[in-house]
Amino acid sequence: MNELLTLDALAAPLRVLRLLAADFGHLPAPDVDLSRIYPDRLTLHFHEGLHAFEAWREALAVPPEQVTHAVQSAGTTRVLKASTDYAGAEVHLHGYTDVPAADGGAA
């Protein structure tokens, strides 16, 4: 990207972040990602289990069937992803949790 973006170019996700803080301040705090590459996107990451991801998914009225599931890190991390439009920006939710180790036959 050779073009210099101004902070105004990130107005939509910044406005959405302000609205989410006001409307859903009681929900678990995410890690927040804004990018000049995707100036209309706000990504919320949840690393402490999937309960926070689910709370936000429900608050933003994302249907469960729109959630995708994958594993990463050689199968040790479960990842849920969902997206929705909110107040003029794309909001992406990413939830991460450990995949439980298989019981090694211990009694």
C-alpha atoms as a PDB file:
ATOM      1  CA  MET A   1       0.000   0.000   0.000  1.00  0.00           C
ATOM      2  CA  ASN A   2       1.649   3.190  -1.220  1.00  0.00           C
ATOM      3  CA  GLU A   3      -1.152   5.549  -0.267  1.00  0.00           C
ATOM      4  CA  LEU A   4      -0.924   7.233   3.125  1.00  0.00           C
ATOM      5  CA  LEU A   5      -4.148   6.749   5.080  1.00  0.00           C
ATOM      6  CA  THR A   6      -5.311   9.276   7.606  1.00  0.00           C
ATOM      7  CA  LEU A   7      -6.921   8.459  10.933  1.00  0.00           C
ATOM      8  CA  ASP A   8     -10.221   9.610   9.381  1.00  0.00           C
ATOM      9  CA  ALA A   9     -10.072   6.507   7.161  1.00  0.00           C
ATOM     10  CA  LEU A  10     -10.538   4.399  10.309  1.00  0.00           C
ATOM     11  CA  ALA A  11     -13.573   6.384  11.476  1.00  0.00           C
ATOM     12  CA  ALA A  12     -16.083   3.551  10.945  1.00  0.00           C
ATOM     13  CA  PRO A  13     -14.374   0.892  13.115  1.00  0.00           C
ATOM     14  CA  LEU A  14     -13.395   3.493  15.709  1.00  0.00           C
ATOM     15  CA  ARG A  15     -17.021   4.661  15.922  1.00  0.00           C
ATOM     16  CA  VAL A  16     -18.167   1.050  16.281  1.00  0.00           C
ATOM     17  CA  LEU A  17     -15.625   0.442  19.046  1.00  0.00           C
ATOM     18  CA  ARG A  18     -17.008   3.458  20.918  1.00  0.00           C
ATOM     19  CA  LEU A  19     -20.578   2.197  20.453  1.00  0.00           C
ATOM     20  CA  LEU A  20     -19.667  -1.326  21.587  1.00  0.00           C
ATOM     21  CA  ALA A  21     -18.010   0.069  24.713  1.00  0.00           C
ATOM     22  CA  ALA A  22     -21.144   2.062  25.504  1.00  0.00           C
ATOM     23  CA  ASP A  23     -23.691  -0.628  24.624  1.00  0.00           C
ATOM     24  CA  PHE A  24     -21.841  -3.730  25.815  1.00  0.00           C
ATOM     25  CA  GLY A  25     -19.433  -2.465  28.450  1.00  0.00           C
ATOM     26  CA  HIS A  26     -20.533  -5.299  30.754  1.00  0.00           C
ATOM     27  CA  LEU A  27     -19.184  -7.975  28.360  1.00  0.00           C
ATOM     28  CA  PRO A  28     -15.665  -9.449  28.597  1.00  0.00           C
ATOM     29  CA  ALA A  29     -12.963  -7.172  27.182  1.00  0.00           C
ATOM     30  CA  PRO A  30     -11.462  -8.378  23.893  1.00  0.00           C
ATOM     31  CA  ASP A  31      -8.137  -7.726  22.260  1.00  0.00           C
ATOM     32  CA  VAL A  32      -8.973  -5.135  19.597  1.00  0.00           C
ATOM     33  CA  ASP A  33      -7.491  -4.999  16.119  1.00  0.00           C
ATOM     34  CA  LEU A  34      -7.775  -2.142  13.629  1.00  0.00           C
ATOM     35  CA  SER A  35      -5.896  -2.219  10.340  1.00  0.00           C
ATOM     36  CA  ARG A  36      -5.059   0.269   7.632  1.00  0.00           C
ATOM     37  CA  ILE A  37      -5.271  -2.650   5.189  1.00  0.00           C
ATOM     38  CA  TYR A  38      -8.958  -3.224   6.067  1.00  0.00           C
ATOM     39  CA  PRO A  39     -10.088   0.249   7.155  1.00  0.00           C
ATOM     40  CA  ASP A  40     -13.775  -0.732   7.563  1.00  0.00           C
ATOM     41  CA  ARG A  41     -13.063  -3.701   9.855  1.00  0.00           C
ATOM     42  CA  LEU A  42     -12.920  -4.080  13.617  1.00  0.00           C
ATOM     43  CA  THR A  43     -11.700  -7.443  14.904  1.00  0.00           C
ATOM     44  CA  LEU A  44     -12.298  -8.609  18.457  1.00  0.00           C
ATOM     45  CA  HIS A  45     -10.090 -11.477  19.688  1.00  0.00           C
ATOM     46  CA  PHE A  46     -10.897 -13.639  22.726  1.00  0.00           C
ATOM     47  CA  HIS A  47      -8.066 -15.818  24.066  1.00  0.00           C
ATOM     48  CA  GLU A  48      -9.392 -16.923  27.463  1.00  0.00           C
ATOM     49  CA  GLY A  49     -11.853 -19.561  26.317  1.00  0.00           C
ATOM     50  CA  LEU A  50     -14.971 -19.441  24.183  1.00  0.00           C
ATOM     51  CA  HIS A  51     -17.440 -18.057  26.749  1.00  0.00           C
ATOM     52  CA  ALA A  52     -16.441 -14.473  25.884  1.00  0.00           C
ATOM     53  CA  PHE A  53     -16.727 -15.181  22.153  1.00  0.00           C
ATOM     54  CA  GLU A  54     -20.230 -16.607  22.724  1.00  0.00           C
ATOM     55  CA  ALA A  55     -21.322 -13.651  24.847  1.00  0.00           C
ATOM     56  CA  TRP A  56     -20.318 -11.233  22.095  1.00  0.00           C
ATOM     57  CA  ARG A  57     -21.800 -13.412  19.349  1.00  0.00           C
ATOM     58  CA  GLU A  58     -25.138 -13.369  21.147  1.00  0.00           C
ATOM     59  CA  ALA A  59     -24.949  -9.631  21.887  1.00  0.00           C
ATOM     60  CA  LEU A  60     -24.305  -8.874  18.211  1.00  0.00           C
ATOM     61  CA  ALA A  61     -27.075 -11.293  17.130  1.00  0.00           C
ATOM     62  CA  VAL A  62     -24.806 -13.430  14.969  1.00  0.00           C
ATOM     63  CA  PRO A  63     -26.644 -16.707  14.276  1.00  0.00           C
ATOM     64  CA  PRO A  64     -24.774 -19.822  15.483  1.00  0.00           C
ATOM     65  CA  GLU A  65     -24.852 -21.293  11.972  1.00  0.00           C
ATOM     66  CA  GLN A  66     -22.660 -18.412  10.775  1.00  0.00           C
ATOM     67  CA  VAL A  67     -19.820 -19.414  13.115  1.00  0.00           C
ATOM     68  CA  THR A  68     -16.934 -21.275  11.517  1.00  0.00           C
ATOM     69  CA  HIS A  69     -14.699 -23.708  13.365  1.00  0.00           C
ATOM     70  CA  ALA A  70     -11.065 -24.659  12.757  1.00  0.00           C
ATOM     71  CA  VAL A  71      -8.019 -25.856  14.622  1.00  0.00           C
ATOM     72  CA  GLN A  72      -4.511 -24.458  14.435  1.00  0.00           C
ATOM     73  CA  SER A  73      -1.121 -24.895  16.081  1.00  0.00           C
ATOM     74  CA  ALA A  74      -0.864 -28.561  15.106  1.00  0.00           C
ATOM     75  CA  GLY A  75      -4.361 -29.237  16.442  1.00  0.00           C
ATOM     76  CA  THR A  76      -3.817 -27.747  19.902  1.00  0.00           C
ATOM     77  CA  THR A  77      -5.952 -24.609  19.500  1.00  0.00           C
ATOM     78  CA  ARG A  78      -9.632 -24.458  18.576  1.00  0.00           C
ATOM     79  CA  VAL A  79     -10.696 -21.307  16.703  1.00  0.00           C
ATOM     80  CA  LEU A  80     -14.216 -19.955  16.212  1.00  0.00           C
ATOM     81  CA  LYS A  81     -14.856 -17.060  13.822  1.00  0.00           C
ATOM     82  CA  ALA A  82     -17.932 -15.008  12.998  1.00  0.00           C
ATOM     83  CA  SER A  83     -18.630 -11.707  11.270  1.00  0.00           C
ATOM     84  CA  THR A  84     -21.416  -9.173  11.167  1.00  0.00           C
ATOM     85  CA  ASP A  85     -22.056  -5.610  10.081  1.00  0.00           C
ATOM     86  CA  TYR A  86     -22.585  -3.200  12.950  1.00  0.00           C
ATOM     87  CA  ALA A  87     -23.153   0.551  12.633  1.00  0.00           C
ATOM     88  CA  GLY A  88     -21.312   0.808   9.334  1.00  0.00           C
ATOM     89  CA  ALA A  89     -18.307  -1.433   9.961  1.00  0.00           C
ATOM     90  CA  GLU A  90     -17.505  -5.116   9.633  1.00  0.00           C
ATOM     91  CA  VAL A  91     -17.069  -6.662  13.077  1.00  0.00           C
ATOM     92  CA  HIS A  92     -15.127  -9.915  13.163  1.00  0.00           C
ATOM     93  CA  LEU A  93     -15.084 -12.117  16.245  1.00  0.00           C
ATOM     94  CA  HIS A  94     -12.260 -14.614  16.788  1.00  0.00           C
ATOM     95  CA  GLY A  95     -12.347 -16.961  19.764  1.00  0.00           C
ATOM     96  CA  TYR A  96      -9.461 -19.227  20.787  1.00  0.00           C
ATOM     97  CA  THR A  97      -9.246 -22.066  23.278  1.00  0.00           C
ATOM     98  CA  ASP A  98      -7.007 -25.034  23.932  1.00  0.00           C
ATOM     99  CA  VAL A  99      -8.046 -28.378  22.548  1.00  0.00           C
ATOM    100  CA  PRO A 100      -8.075 -30.795  25.479  1.00  0.00           C
ATOM    101  CA  ALA A 101      -5.283 -33.352  25.275  1.00  0.00           C
ATOM    102  CA  ALA A 102      -6.532 -36.861  24.614  1.00  0.00           C
ATOM    103  CA  ASP A 103      -6.667 -39.012  27.707  1.00  0.00           C
ATOM    104  CA  GLY A 104      -3.560 -41.149  27.391  1.00  0.00           C
ATOM    105  CA  GLY A 105      -5.336 -44.126  28.903  1.00  0.00           C
ATOM    106  CA  ALA A 106      -4.562 -43.090  32.461  1.00  0.00           C
ATOM    107  CA  ALA A 107      -6.821 -44.715  34.996  1.00  0.00           C
END
